[in-house]
Amino acid sequence: MEARMKAAMNPDLGTAIQHIYKAIAAGGVDHRLLSLVHLRASQINGCSPCVFASIDAAKKAGETDERLHNVVAWRETPFYSAEERAALELTEAATRIQDGAVGVTDEIWDAAADHFDEAQLSAIILEIATTNFFNRINRTIREQAGKTW
């Protein structure tokens, strides 16, 4: 499969994305957890370049293969902390917003809020939203894993 177009971005968009990533970093959330969030949203959306990039970034941050291979089945494995599980559940609920989806329930929100302060929640939400943004661009233009990011 070939990409439909180059993923070249408008310079203003690149600057805006850099500011978003600065805001995410300012939230104080462990980079490995953010990589898991990025990976899970990208798995749900079937975005191969973002799955590739999130695994690469997570490994550079010290994440293990065992945990990366099991993100897709995080509920059924013992490899994740309660904090990580809350972030992954929030990721799934915020990513699956198709017609009729429940979305982020009070229970899901409260579980995340039990583990993260407002700055951290803001960072996680921005990570989820930015990942979904890139997933949609990559799926639209058929960007290929390992070619751009």
Protein backbone atom coordinates (compact mmCIF):
# COMPACT_ATOMS: atom_id res chain seq x y z
CA MET A 1 0.00 0.00 0.00
CA GLU A 2 1.28 3.45 -0.89
CA ALA A 3 0.65 6.66 1.01
CA ARG A 4 -1.78 8.97 -0.79
CA MET A 5 0.36 12.03 -0.12
CA LYS A 6 3.35 13.15 1.88
CA ALA A 7 2.55 13.95 5.49
CA ALA A 8 4.11 17.39 5.12
CA MET A 9 2.53 19.84 7.50
CA ASN A 10 1.89 23.52 7.36
CA PRO A 11 4.61 25.20 9.49
CA ASP A 12 1.94 26.84 11.66
CA LEU A 13 0.43 23.45 12.39
CA GLY A 14 3.86 22.11 13.32
CA THR A 15 4.32 24.98 15.77
CA ALA A 16 0.87 24.39 17.27
CA ILE A 17 1.62 20.69 17.74
CA GLN A 18 4.92 21.54 19.45
CA HIS A 19 2.97 23.70 21.91
CA ILE A 20 0.54 20.87 22.57
CA TYR A 21 3.44 18.50 23.32
CA LYS A 22 4.94 21.09 25.68
CA ALA A 23 1.60 21.27 27.49
CA ILE A 24 1.48 17.47 27.70
CA ALA A 25 5.02 17.35 29.12
CA ALA A 26 4.18 20.06 31.66
CA GLY A 27 1.51 17.79 33.15
CA GLY A 28 4.15 15.67 34.82
CA VAL A 29 2.89 12.28 33.61
CA ASP A 30 5.50 9.55 33.19
CA HIS A 31 6.51 9.33 29.53
CA ARG A 32 6.10 5.54 29.59
CA LEU A 33 2.46 5.90 30.64
CA LEU A 34 1.85 8.45 27.87
CA SER A 35 3.38 5.99 25.41
CA LEU A 36 0.95 3.30 26.58
CA VAL A 37 -1.93 5.75 26.10
CA HIS A 38 -0.68 6.61 22.61
CA LEU A 39 -0.27 2.93 21.76
CA ARG A 40 -3.74 1.92 22.98
CA ALA A 41 -5.56 4.71 21.10
CA SER A 42 -3.58 3.89 17.97
CA GLN A 43 -4.40 0.18 18.26
CA ILE A 44 -8.11 0.99 18.53
CA ASN A 45 -7.92 3.23 15.46
CA GLY A 46 -5.74 0.83 13.47
CA CYS A 47 -3.05 3.46 12.87
CA SER A 48 0.11 1.54 11.98
CA PRO A 49 2.49 4.55 11.92
CA CYS A 50 1.39 5.60 15.40
CA VAL A 51 1.55 2.04 16.76
CA PHE A 52 5.08 1.83 15.34
CA ALA A 53 6.07 5.24 16.75
CA SER A 54 4.59 4.65 20.20
CA ILE A 55 6.37 1.31 20.58
CA ASP A 56 9.64 2.89 19.47
CA ALA A 57 9.22 5.80 21.92
CA ALA A 58 8.18 3.51 24.77
CA LYS A 59 11.21 1.27 24.29
CA LYS A 60 13.50 4.31 24.31
CA ALA A 61 11.84 5.33 27.60
CA GLY A 62 12.62 1.90 29.06
CA GLU A 63 9.32 0.08 28.51
CA THR A 64 9.44 -3.71 28.27
CA ASP A 65 8.37 -5.87 25.36
CA GLU A 66 6.14 -7.87 27.70
CA ARG A 67 4.08 -4.81 28.62
CA LEU A 68 4.01 -3.41 25.07
CA HIS A 69 2.81 -6.70 23.61
CA ASN A 70 -0.02 -6.88 26.12
CA VAL A 71 -1.48 -3.35 25.96
CA VAL A 72 -4.18 -4.63 23.62
CA ALA A 73 -5.31 -7.03 26.39
CA TRP A 74 -4.45 -4.90 29.42
CA ARG A 75 -7.58 -5.93 31.35
CA GLU A 76 -6.59 -9.61 31.25
CA THR A 77 -2.94 -9.22 32.28
CA PRO A 78 -1.15 -8.53 35.57
CA PHE A 79 1.42 -6.18 34.02
CA TYR A 80 -0.17 -2.77 34.69
CA SER A 81 -0.66 -0.70 37.82
CA ALA A 82 -4.02 0.66 38.94
CA GLU A 83 -2.89 4.09 37.71
CA GLU A 84 -2.03 2.73 34.26
CA ARG A 85 -5.31 0.81 34.09
CA ALA A 86 -7.25 4.00 34.85
CA ALA A 87 -5.37 5.85 32.09
CA LEU A 88 -5.93 3.02 29.59
CA GLU A 89 -9.63 2.84 30.42
CA LEU A 90 -9.94 6.61 29.97
CA THR A 91 -8.09 6.29 26.66
CA GLU A 92 -10.47 3.65 25.36
CA ALA A 93 -13.58 5.53 26.44
CA ALA A 94 -12.38 8.84 24.96
CA THR A 95 -11.26 7.18 21.72
CA ARG A 96 -14.36 5.10 21.09
CA ILE A 97 -16.85 7.89 20.48
CA GLN A 98 -18.76 6.36 17.60
CA ASP A 99 -22.57 6.47 17.45
CA GLY A 100 -24.04 4.92 20.56
CA ALA A 101 -20.77 4.57 22.47
CA VAL A 102 -21.03 5.23 26.17
CA GLY A 103 -17.97 7.48 26.21
CA VAL A 104 -16.29 8.63 29.40
CA THR A 105 -18.68 7.74 32.19
CA ASP A 106 -18.52 9.26 35.66
CA GLU A 107 -17.11 5.96 36.91
CA ILE A 108 -14.26 6.04 34.37
CA TRP A 109 -13.57 9.71 35.08
CA ASP A 110 -13.61 9.19 38.85
CA ALA A 111 -11.21 6.25 38.58
CA ALA A 112 -8.77 8.39 36.61
CA ALA A 113 -9.23 11.34 38.98
CA ASP A 114 -8.38 9.06 41.90
CA HIS A 115 -4.90 8.56 40.43
CA PHE A 116 -4.11 11.84 38.68
CA ASP A 117 -4.35 15.51 39.57
CA GLU A 118 -5.87 18.06 37.17
CA ALA A 119 -2.57 18.87 35.45
CA GLN A 120 -1.92 15.18 34.86
CA LEU A 121 -5.47 14.54 33.66
CA SER A 122 -5.12 17.46 31.28
CA ALA A 123 -1.90 15.97 29.91
CA ILE A 124 -3.48 12.53 29.47
CA ILE A 125 -6.54 14.00 27.74
CA LEU A 126 -4.31 16.04 25.42
CA GLU A 127 -2.26 12.92 24.65
CA ILE A 128 -5.43 11.00 23.79
CA ALA A 129 -6.79 13.82 21.63
CA THR A 130 -3.48 14.42 19.84
CA THR A 131 -3.07 10.72 19.19
CA ASN A 132 -6.57 10.51 17.74
CA PHE A 133 -5.77 13.59 15.60
CA PHE A 134 -2.67 11.92 14.13
CA ASN A 135 -4.47 8.58 13.78
CA ARG A 136 -7.13 10.19 11.62
CA ILE A 137 -4.62 12.02 9.44
CA ASN A 138 -2.52 8.88 8.96
CA ARG A 139 -5.52 6.70 8.16
CA THR A 140 -6.82 9.26 5.66
CA ILE A 141 -3.56 9.60 3.75
CA ARG A 142 -2.57 5.92 4.24
CA GLU A 143 0.70 6.81 5.91
CA GLN A 144 2.92 3.74 6.34
CA ALA A 145 4.53 2.51 9.55
CA GLY A 146 8.19 3.41 9.86
CA LYS A 147 8.19 5.79 6.89
CA THR A 148 7.54 9.17 8.51
CA TRP A 149 7.63 9.14 12.29
